[in-house]
Protein backbone atom coordinates (compact mmCIF):
# COMPACT_ATOMS: atom_id res chain seq x y z
CA MET A 1 0.12 0.00 -0.18
CA ARG A 2 1.03 3.68 -0.70
CA ARG A 3 -0.10 6.86 0.43
CA LYS A 4 1.14 10.66 -0.96
CA SER A 5 0.88 13.11 1.46
CA SER A 6 -2.59 15.54 1.39
CA HIS A 7 -0.89 18.21 1.14
CA SER A 8 0.32 16.61 -2.62
CA GLU A 9 0.96 19.53 -5.63
CA ALA A 10 -1.90 18.37 -8.43
CA SER A 11 0.96 17.04 -10.75
CA GLY A 12 2.12 14.29 -7.13
CA ASN A 13 5.58 15.87 -8.11
CA ALA A 14 6.31 17.82 -4.82
CA CYS A 15 5.26 14.89 -1.70
CA VAL A 16 6.02 12.87 1.05
CA GLU A 17 5.03 9.02 0.07
CA VAL A 18 4.50 6.55 2.72
CA ALA A 19 4.37 2.24 1.51
CA THR A 20 5.05 -0.85 3.52
CA SER A 21 7.43 -2.86 2.82
CA ARG A 22 8.66 -6.49 3.14
CA ASN A 23 10.99 -4.35 5.82
CA GLY A 24 8.79 -2.13 7.51
CA ILE A 25 7.96 0.93 6.73
CA ALA A 26 9.71 2.47 3.39
CA VAL A 27 9.48 7.28 3.13
CA ARG A 28 10.49 9.37 0.21
CA ASP A 29 10.37 12.74 -1.26
CA SER A 30 8.91 11.91 -4.60
CA LYS A 31 11.77 15.07 -5.72
CA ARG A 32 14.43 12.43 -4.78
CA PRO A 33 12.82 8.47 -5.22
CA ALA A 34 15.59 7.20 -4.90
CA ASN A 35 16.37 8.01 -1.15
CA VAL A 36 13.91 6.25 0.91
CA PHE A 37 14.01 5.94 4.92
CA VAL A 38 12.88 2.24 5.85
CA THR A 39 11.89 2.05 9.50
CA GLY A 40 10.22 -0.43 11.50
CA ARG A 41 6.20 0.09 12.31
CA ALA A 42 6.50 0.71 16.33
CA SER A 43 9.03 3.35 15.65
CA PHE A 44 6.44 4.82 12.72
CA ASP A 45 3.45 4.88 14.82
CA ALA A 46 5.39 6.61 16.69
CA LEU A 47 6.56 9.97 14.72
CA ILE A 48 3.17 10.19 13.76
CA GLU A 49 1.43 10.11 16.56
CA SER A 50 4.36 12.75 18.06
CA LEU A 51 3.24 14.68 14.70
CA ARG A 52 0.12 14.23 15.78
CA SER A 53 0.20 15.11 19.95
CA GLY A 54 2.10 18.59 18.60
CA SER A 55 5.27 17.24 20.64
CA LEU A 56 7.88 17.30 17.98
CA GLY A 57 7.57 21.39 17.84
CA THR A 58 6.77 22.74 13.67
CA GLY A 59 10.19 23.07 13.06
CA ARG A 60 10.45 26.73 12.01
């Protein structure tokens, strides 16, 4: 299963893509598709929860 960010441009080439893989969860920037970050499901779920709760801040 692959998902694109809901903030993706209409052309689809400026987004973050997330997919499940046999090694875990794969994340990549569509502008740099060769660079893929793979992490375990538990770590990815913790990241998403931190983003949703705002505990990581805005990064600005």
